[in-house]
Amino acid sequence: MKDSIEYKTILIVEDEVINIKIDRYAISRYFVDINILTATNLGDAARVVNQNHIDAIILDTIFPEGENNLIPLEYKVRPGILFLRHIRNLNELKNIPVLCTSRGIDKVLISEINSLDASFIMRPYNVTEFVNILIEMLYR
């Protein structure tokens, strides 16, 4: 009988280092079978996705790139959502589970996330809720 663990790979796409550390800590505390990759901008995220097998993505929806501070947030298409749209259009990635994160929430954001078949959690999050979402994403 083989006694090895099947490792899953999660990509954390987040521009704030403290949030990457929080996510890493929560994941490593509750999972022993997870490889964690990170990207601090969407260009790096695209490269990581193209060069690795990814089982799930934790995706911040707000990035400094592409933001226009004169437009109210509820009327903007957030850069993270544009990235999510992009991967949903790629055959090899269209079914990858994605957990979107944000410090703020509005109807447009939730509507976009739902229409792109992704999950959502607001920061700061409850660790138990975060872990339960990841379990559902990785082991369903």
N, C-alpha and C. Protein backbone atom coordinates (compact mmCIF):
# COMPACT_ATOMS: atom_id res chain seq x y z
N MET A 1 0.84 -1.18 0.00
CA MET A 1 0.00 0.00 0.00
C MET A 1 0.88 1.24 0.00
N LYS A 2 0.59 2.15 -0.91
CA LYS A 2 1.36 3.37 -1.03
C LYS A 2 0.97 4.33 0.08
N ASP A 3 1.97 4.91 0.74
CA ASP A 3 1.71 5.78 1.89
C ASP A 3 2.07 7.23 1.57
N SER A 4 1.64 7.74 0.42
CA SER A 4 1.97 9.11 0.05
C SER A 4 0.71 9.98 0.04
N ILE A 5 0.95 11.26 0.20
CA ILE A 5 -0.14 12.23 0.19
C ILE A 5 -0.22 12.85 -1.19
N GLU A 6 -1.43 13.00 -1.70
CA GLU A 6 -1.61 13.71 -2.95
C GLU A 6 -1.69 15.21 -2.64
N TYR A 7 -0.68 15.94 -3.06
CA TYR A 7 -0.64 17.37 -2.77
C TYR A 7 -1.48 18.15 -3.76
N LYS A 8 -2.18 19.14 -3.24
CA LYS A 8 -2.94 20.09 -4.05
C LYS A 8 -2.13 21.38 -4.09
N THR A 9 -2.32 22.17 -5.14
CA THR A 9 -1.62 23.44 -5.27
C THR A 9 -2.62 24.58 -5.32
N ILE A 10 -2.42 25.53 -4.42
CA ILE A 10 -3.25 26.74 -4.36
C ILE A 10 -2.39 27.92 -4.78
N LEU A 11 -2.96 28.78 -5.60
CA LEU A 11 -2.32 30.04 -5.95
C LEU A 11 -3.02 31.16 -5.20
N ILE A 12 -2.26 31.93 -4.43
CA ILE A 12 -2.78 33.12 -3.76
C ILE A 12 -2.37 34.32 -4.61
N VAL A 13 -3.35 35.06 -5.10
CA VAL A 13 -3.10 36.25 -5.90
C VAL A 13 -3.54 37.45 -5.06
N GLU A 14 -2.55 38.15 -4.53
CA GLU A 14 -2.83 39.20 -3.54
C GLU A 14 -1.68 40.20 -3.55
N ASP A 15 -2.00 41.49 -3.59
CA ASP A 15 -0.94 42.49 -3.61
C ASP A 15 -0.48 42.93 -2.22
N GLU A 16 -1.23 42.61 -1.18
CA GLU A 16 -0.83 42.98 0.18
C GLU A 16 -0.14 41.80 0.86
N VAL A 17 1.12 41.99 1.21
CA VAL A 17 1.95 40.93 1.78
C VAL A 17 1.33 40.39 3.07
N ILE A 18 0.75 41.24 3.90
CA ILE A 18 0.15 40.78 5.16
C ILE A 18 -0.98 39.79 4.88
N ASN A 19 -1.77 40.03 3.84
CA ASN A 19 -2.85 39.10 3.50
C ASN A 19 -2.31 37.76 3.00
N ILE A 20 -1.21 37.80 2.26
CA ILE A 20 -0.57 36.54 1.83
C ILE A 20 -0.13 35.76 3.06
N LYS A 21 0.49 36.44 4.02
CA LYS A 21 0.94 35.76 5.24
C LYS A 21 -0.23 35.17 6.02
N ILE A 22 -1.32 35.90 6.12
CA ILE A 22 -2.52 35.40 6.83
C ILE A 22 -3.07 34.17 6.12
N ASP A 23 -3.19 34.24 4.81
CA ASP A 23 -3.71 33.10 4.05
C ASP A 23 -2.80 31.89 4.18
N ARG A 24 -1.49 32.10 4.05
CA ARG A 24 -0.52 31.01 4.19
C ARG A 24 -0.63 30.35 5.56
N TYR A 25 -0.72 31.17 6.59
CA TYR A 25 -0.81 30.64 7.95
C TYR A 25 -2.07 29.80 8.11
N ALA A 26 -3.21 30.33 7.68
CA ALA A 26 -4.47 29.59 7.82
C ALA A 26 -4.43 28.28 7.05
N ILE A 27 -3.89 28.31 5.85
CA ILE A 27 -3.82 27.10 5.03
C ILE A 27 -2.87 26.08 5.66
N SER A 28 -1.68 26.51 6.04
CA SER A 28 -0.70 25.57 6.58
C SER A 28 -1.10 25.03 7.94
N ARG A 29 -1.91 25.76 8.66
CA ARG A 29 -2.36 25.30 9.98
C ARG A 29 -3.38 24.17 9.87
N TYR A 30 -4.18 24.19 8.80
CA TYR A 30 -5.28 23.23 8.69
C TYR A 30 -5.08 22.16 7.61
N PHE A 31 -4.11 22.34 6.73
CA PHE A 31 -3.90 21.38 5.65
C PHE A 31 -2.45 20.93 5.66
N VAL A 32 -2.22 19.64 5.43
CA VAL A 32 -0.86 19.13 5.30
C VAL A 32 -0.52 18.79 3.85
N ASP A 33 -1.52 18.85 3.00
CA ASP A 33 -1.35 18.38 1.63
C ASP A 33 -1.50 19.51 0.61
N ILE A 34 -1.00 20.70 0.95
CA ILE A 34 -1.16 21.86 0.09
C ILE A 34 0.19 22.49 -0.24
N ASN A 35 0.43 22.70 -1.53
CA ASN A 35 1.54 23.54 -1.99
C ASN A 35 0.96 24.93 -2.21
N ILE A 36 1.63 25.94 -1.75
CA ILE A 36 1.13 27.30 -1.88
C ILE A 36 2.07 28.10 -2.79
N LEU A 37 1.50 28.62 -3.85
CA LEU A 37 2.22 29.53 -4.75
C LEU A 37 1.60 30.91 -4.57
N THR A 38 2.38 31.96 -4.81
CA THR A 38 1.85 33.31 -4.64
C THR A 38 2.20 34.18 -5.83
N ALA A 39 1.36 35.18 -6.04
CA ALA A 39 1.62 36.22 -7.04
C ALA A 39 1.10 37.53 -6.45
N THR A 40 1.91 38.59 -6.57
CA THR A 40 1.51 39.88 -5.99
C THR A 40 0.92 40.82 -7.03
N ASN A 41 0.84 40.37 -8.28
CA ASN A 41 0.16 41.17 -9.30
C ASN A 41 -0.42 40.21 -10.34
N LEU A 42 -1.28 40.74 -11.19
CA LEU A 42 -2.01 39.88 -12.12
C LEU A 42 -1.13 39.34 -13.25
N GLY A 43 -0.09 40.08 -13.63
CA GLY A 43 0.85 39.57 -14.64
C GLY A 43 1.57 38.34 -14.13
N ASP A 44 2.06 38.41 -12.88
CA ASP A 44 2.71 37.23 -12.28
C ASP A 44 1.72 36.09 -12.12
N ALA A 45 0.48 36.41 -11.77
CA ALA A 45 -0.54 35.36 -11.61
C ALA A 45 -0.75 34.62 -12.93
N ALA A 46 -0.81 35.35 -14.02
CA ALA A 46 -1.00 34.73 -15.33
C ALA A 46 0.18 33.80 -15.65
N ARG A 47 1.40 34.24 -15.35
CA ARG A 47 2.57 33.39 -15.59
C ARG A 47 2.53 32.13 -14.73
N VAL A 48 2.18 32.27 -13.45
CA VAL A 48 2.13 31.11 -12.56
C VAL A 48 1.08 30.11 -13.05
N VAL A 49 -0.07 30.61 -13.45
CA VAL A 49 -1.15 29.74 -13.94
C VAL A 49 -0.72 29.01 -15.21
N ASN A 50 0.01 29.71 -16.07
CA ASN A 50 0.46 29.09 -17.32
C ASN A 50 1.57 28.07 -17.12
N GLN A 51 2.35 28.19 -16.04
CA GLN A 51 3.52 27.33 -15.84
C GLN A 51 3.32 26.22 -14.81
N ASN A 52 2.17 26.18 -14.15
CA ASN A 52 1.96 25.22 -13.07
C ASN A 52 0.56 24.62 -13.15
N HIS A 53 0.42 23.44 -12.57
CA HIS A 53 -0.91 22.88 -12.37
C HIS A 53 -1.47 23.50 -11.09
N ILE A 54 -2.58 24.18 -11.20
CA ILE A 54 -3.20 24.86 -10.06
C ILE A 54 -4.54 24.18 -9.77
N ASP A 55 -4.77 23.82 -8.50
CA ASP A 55 -6.03 23.18 -8.11
C ASP A 55 -7.07 24.18 -7.63
N ALA A 56 -6.63 25.36 -7.16
CA ALA A 56 -7.56 26.38 -6.69
C ALA A 56 -6.82 27.72 -6.62
N ILE A 57 -7.59 28.80 -6.71
CA ILE A 57 -7.03 30.14 -6.65
C ILE A 57 -7.75 30.95 -5.59
N ILE A 58 -6.98 31.64 -4.77
CA ILE A 58 -7.52 32.65 -3.86
C ILE A 58 -7.16 33.98 -4.51
N LEU A 59 -8.16 34.76 -4.90
CA LEU A 59 -7.96 35.91 -5.77
C LEU A 59 -8.51 37.19 -5.15
N ASP A 60 -7.61 38.11 -4.85
CA ASP A 60 -8.04 39.45 -4.43
C ASP A 60 -8.72 40.10 -5.62
N THR A 61 -9.73 40.91 -5.37
CA THR A 61 -10.43 41.56 -6.49
C THR A 61 -9.92 42.96 -6.77
N ILE A 62 -9.21 43.56 -5.81
CA ILE A 62 -8.74 44.94 -5.98
C ILE A 62 -7.22 44.95 -6.08
N PHE A 63 -6.72 45.54 -7.16
CA PHE A 63 -5.28 45.70 -7.39
C PHE A 63 -5.04 47.14 -7.83
N PRO A 64 -3.88 47.68 -7.54
CA PRO A 64 -3.60 49.04 -7.97
C PRO A 64 -3.57 49.19 -9.49
N GLU A 65 -3.20 48.13 -10.19
CA GLU A 65 -3.13 48.23 -11.64
C GLU A 65 -4.52 48.36 -12.25
N GLY A 66 -4.68 49.34 -13.11
CA GLY A 66 -5.95 49.50 -13.80
C GLY A 66 -7.02 50.24 -13.02
N GLU A 67 -6.73 50.66 -11.80
CA GLU A 67 -7.75 51.36 -11.01
C GLU A 67 -7.79 52.84 -11.40
N ASN A 68 -8.97 53.42 -11.41
CA ASN A 68 -9.17 54.84 -11.63
C ASN A 68 -9.94 55.36 -10.43
N ASN A 69 -9.28 56.10 -9.58
CA ASN A 69 -9.88 56.52 -8.32
C ASN A 69 -10.99 57.56 -8.48
N LEU A 70 -11.23 58.08 -9.67
CA LEU A 70 -12.31 59.04 -9.87
C LEU A 70 -13.66 58.36 -10.05
N ILE A 71 -13.64 57.08 -10.35
CA ILE A 71 -14.88 56.33 -10.57
C ILE A 71 -15.23 55.59 -9.28
N PRO A 72 -16.46 55.74 -8.77
CA PRO A 72 -16.84 55.00 -7.56
C PRO A 72 -16.65 53.50 -7.75
N LEU A 73 -16.17 52.84 -6.71
CA LEU A 73 -15.82 51.42 -6.78
C LEU A 73 -16.96 50.55 -7.32
N GLU A 74 -18.20 50.85 -6.94
CA GLU A 74 -19.30 49.99 -7.38
C GLU A 74 -19.54 50.06 -8.89
N TYR A 75 -18.95 51.04 -9.58
CA TYR A 75 -19.12 51.14 -11.02
C TYR A 75 -17.89 50.65 -11.79
N LYS A 76 -16.85 50.29 -11.09
CA LYS A 76 -15.63 49.81 -11.73
C LYS A 76 -15.69 48.30 -11.94
N VAL A 77 -15.02 47.84 -12.95
CA VAL A 77 -14.76 46.41 -13.06
C VAL A 77 -13.41 46.21 -12.38
N ARG A 78 -13.40 45.50 -11.30
CA ARG A 78 -12.18 45.32 -10.53
C ARG A 78 -11.19 44.46 -11.31
N PRO A 79 -9.90 44.79 -11.24
CA PRO A 79 -8.89 44.02 -11.98
C PRO A 79 -8.93 42.52 -11.69
N GLY A 80 -9.17 42.12 -10.43
CA GLY A 80 -9.25 40.70 -10.11
C GLY A 80 -10.39 40.01 -10.85
N ILE A 81 -11.49 40.72 -11.04
CA ILE A 81 -12.63 40.17 -11.78
C ILE A 81 -12.27 40.02 -13.26
N LEU A 82 -11.51 40.96 -13.80
CA LEU A 82 -11.05 40.83 -15.19
C LEU A 82 -10.18 39.59 -15.35
N PHE A 83 -9.31 39.34 -14.37
CA PHE A 83 -8.47 38.14 -14.39
C PHE A 83 -9.33 36.88 -14.30
N LEU A 84 -10.34 36.90 -13.43
CA LEU A 84 -11.25 35.76 -13.30
C LEU A 84 -11.98 35.52 -14.63
N ARG A 85 -12.45 36.57 -15.27
CA ARG A 85 -13.09 36.42 -16.58
C ARG A 85 -12.13 35.76 -17.58
N HIS A 86 -10.88 36.20 -17.55
CA HIS A 86 -9.87 35.66 -18.46
C HIS A 86 -9.70 34.15 -18.26
N ILE A 87 -9.52 33.71 -17.01
CA ILE A 87 -9.31 32.27 -16.81
C ILE A 87 -10.56 31.46 -17.08
N ARG A 88 -11.74 32.06 -16.91
CA ARG A 88 -12.99 31.34 -17.23
C ARG A 88 -13.14 31.14 -18.73
N ASN A 89 -12.42 31.94 -19.52
CA ASN A 89 -12.47 31.80 -20.98
C ASN A 89 -11.44 30.83 -21.53
N LEU A 90 -10.57 30.30 -20.68
CA LEU A 90 -9.56 29.34 -21.11
C LEU A 90 -10.06 27.93 -20.79
N ASN A 91 -10.15 27.09 -21.80
CA ASN A 91 -10.70 25.73 -21.61
C ASN A 91 -10.04 24.97 -20.48
N GLU A 92 -8.71 25.03 -20.39
CA GLU A 92 -8.00 24.25 -19.38
C GLU A 92 -8.17 24.82 -17.97
N LEU A 93 -8.66 26.04 -17.83
CA LEU A 93 -8.80 26.66 -16.50
C LEU A 93 -10.23 27.03 -16.14
N LYS A 94 -11.16 26.85 -17.07
CA LYS A 94 -12.50 27.38 -16.84
C LYS A 94 -13.22 26.78 -15.63
N ASN A 95 -12.82 25.57 -15.21
CA ASN A 95 -13.49 24.92 -14.08
C ASN A 95 -12.70 24.98 -12.78
N ILE A 96 -11.58 25.70 -12.76
CA ILE A 96 -10.76 25.77 -11.55
C ILE A 96 -11.53 26.54 -10.47
N PRO A 97 -11.56 26.01 -9.25
CA PRO A 97 -12.26 26.71 -8.18
C PRO A 97 -11.52 28.00 -7.80
N VAL A 98 -12.29 29.08 -7.64
CA VAL A 98 -11.71 30.38 -7.29
C VAL A 98 -12.47 30.94 -6.09
N LEU A 99 -11.70 31.42 -5.12
CA LEU A 99 -12.25 32.12 -3.96
C LEU A 99 -11.81 33.57 -4.07
N CYS A 100 -12.76 34.46 -4.34
CA CYS A 100 -12.46 35.89 -4.44
C CYS A 100 -12.49 36.51 -3.05
N THR A 101 -11.60 37.48 -2.83
CA THR A 101 -11.55 38.19 -1.56
C THR A 101 -11.60 39.69 -1.83
N SER A 102 -12.10 40.42 -0.83
CA SER A 102 -12.15 41.88 -0.92
C SER A 102 -12.41 42.44 0.46
N ARG A 103 -11.97 43.66 0.69
CA ARG A 103 -12.28 44.35 1.94
C ARG A 103 -13.66 44.98 1.89
N GLY A 104 -14.13 45.28 0.71
CA GLY A 104 -15.45 45.88 0.54
C GLY A 104 -16.34 44.98 -0.28
N ILE A 105 -17.62 45.23 -0.22
CA ILE A 105 -18.58 44.40 -0.93
C ILE A 105 -19.67 45.29 -1.49
N ASP A 106 -20.15 44.94 -2.66
CA ASP A 106 -21.29 45.64 -3.25
C ASP A 106 -22.03 44.68 -4.16
N LYS A 107 -23.22 45.09 -4.58
CA LYS A 107 -24.07 44.21 -5.39
C LYS A 107 -23.42 43.85 -6.72
N VAL A 108 -22.73 44.80 -7.33
CA VAL A 108 -22.10 44.53 -8.62
C VAL A 108 -21.01 43.48 -8.46
N LEU A 109 -20.20 43.60 -7.42
CA LEU A 109 -19.13 42.63 -7.18
C LEU A 109 -19.70 41.23 -6.98
N ILE A 110 -20.67 41.10 -6.12
CA ILE A 110 -21.27 39.79 -5.85
C ILE A 110 -21.90 39.22 -7.11
N SER A 111 -22.57 40.05 -7.87
CA SER A 111 -23.18 39.60 -9.12
C SER A 111 -22.13 39.08 -10.09
N GLU A 112 -21.01 39.82 -10.23
CA GLU A 112 -19.92 39.38 -11.12
C GLU A 112 -19.35 38.04 -10.66
N ILE A 113 -19.08 37.93 -9.37
CA ILE A 113 -18.48 36.70 -8.83
C ILE A 113 -19.41 35.52 -9.04
N ASN A 114 -20.69 35.71 -8.75
CA ASN A 114 -21.67 34.63 -8.95
C ASN A 114 -21.77 34.23 -10.42
N SER A 115 -21.77 35.22 -11.31
CA SER A 115 -21.90 34.91 -12.73
C SER A 115 -20.68 34.16 -13.28
N LEU A 116 -19.55 34.29 -12.58
CA LEU A 116 -18.32 33.62 -13.01
C LEU A 116 -18.05 32.35 -12.20
N ASP A 117 -19.06 31.88 -11.50
CA ASP A 117 -18.99 30.62 -10.76
C ASP A 117 -17.80 30.56 -9.80
N ALA A 118 -17.68 31.61 -8.99
CA ALA A 118 -16.62 31.66 -7.98
C ALA A 118 -17.25 31.88 -6.61
N SER A 119 -16.46 31.65 -5.58
CA SER A 119 -16.90 31.89 -4.20
C SER A 119 -16.35 33.23 -3.75
N PHE A 120 -16.86 33.72 -2.62
CA PHE A 120 -16.43 35.03 -2.10
C PHE A 120 -16.32 34.97 -0.59
N ILE A 121 -15.30 35.66 -0.06
CA ILE A 121 -15.18 35.88 1.37
C ILE A 121 -14.63 37.29 1.57
N MET A 122 -15.19 38.01 2.53
CA MET A 122 -14.76 39.37 2.80
C MET A 122 -13.65 39.37 3.85
N ARG A 123 -12.63 40.18 3.63
CA ARG A 123 -11.54 40.36 4.59
C ARG A 123 -11.94 41.43 5.58
N PRO A 124 -11.53 41.33 6.82
CA PRO A 124 -10.89 40.17 7.44
C PRO A 124 -11.91 39.04 7.58
N TYR A 125 -11.48 37.84 7.32
CA TYR A 125 -12.40 36.71 7.31
C TYR A 125 -12.29 35.88 8.58
N ASN A 126 -13.31 35.07 8.78
CA ASN A 126 -13.32 34.08 9.85
C ASN A 126 -12.53 32.88 9.32
N VAL A 127 -11.50 32.47 10.05
CA VAL A 127 -10.61 31.40 9.59
C VAL A 127 -11.38 30.10 9.35
N THR A 128 -12.31 29.76 10.22
CA THR A 128 -13.09 28.53 10.04
C THR A 128 -13.88 28.58 8.74
N GLU A 129 -14.50 29.71 8.44
CA GLU A 129 -15.25 29.85 7.19
C GLU A 129 -14.30 29.73 5.99
N PHE A 130 -13.15 30.37 6.06
CA PHE A 130 -12.14 30.32 5.00
C PHE A 130 -11.72 28.87 4.74
N VAL A 131 -11.39 28.16 5.80
CA VAL A 131 -10.94 26.76 5.67
C VAL A 131 -12.06 25.89 5.11
N ASN A 132 -13.28 26.09 5.56
CA ASN A 132 -14.41 25.29 5.05
C ASN A 132 -14.63 25.52 3.56
N ILE A 133 -14.47 26.77 3.11
CA ILE A 133 -14.61 27.05 1.68
C ILE A 133 -13.50 26.34 0.90
N LEU A 134 -12.28 26.38 1.42
CA LEU A 134 -11.17 25.70 0.73
C LEU A 134 -11.38 24.19 0.67
N ILE A 135 -11.87 23.60 1.76
CA ILE A 135 -12.16 22.17 1.76
C ILE A 135 -13.16 21.84 0.66
N GLU A 136 -14.21 22.63 0.58
CA GLU A 136 -15.23 22.42 -0.45
C GLU A 136 -14.63 22.56 -1.86
N MET A 137 -13.77 23.55 -2.04
CA MET A 137 -13.18 23.81 -3.35
C MET A 137 -12.22 22.68 -3.77
N LEU A 138 -11.45 22.20 -2.83
CA LEU A 138 -10.37 21.25 -3.16
C LEU A 138 -10.79 19.79 -3.16
N TYR A 139 -11.80 19.45 -2.37
CA TYR A 139 -12.11 18.03 -2.17
C TYR A 139 -13.54 17.66 -2.53
N ARG A 140 -14.20 18.44 -3.33
CA ARG A 140 -15.58 18.11 -3.72
C ARG A 140 -15.63 17.09 -4.80
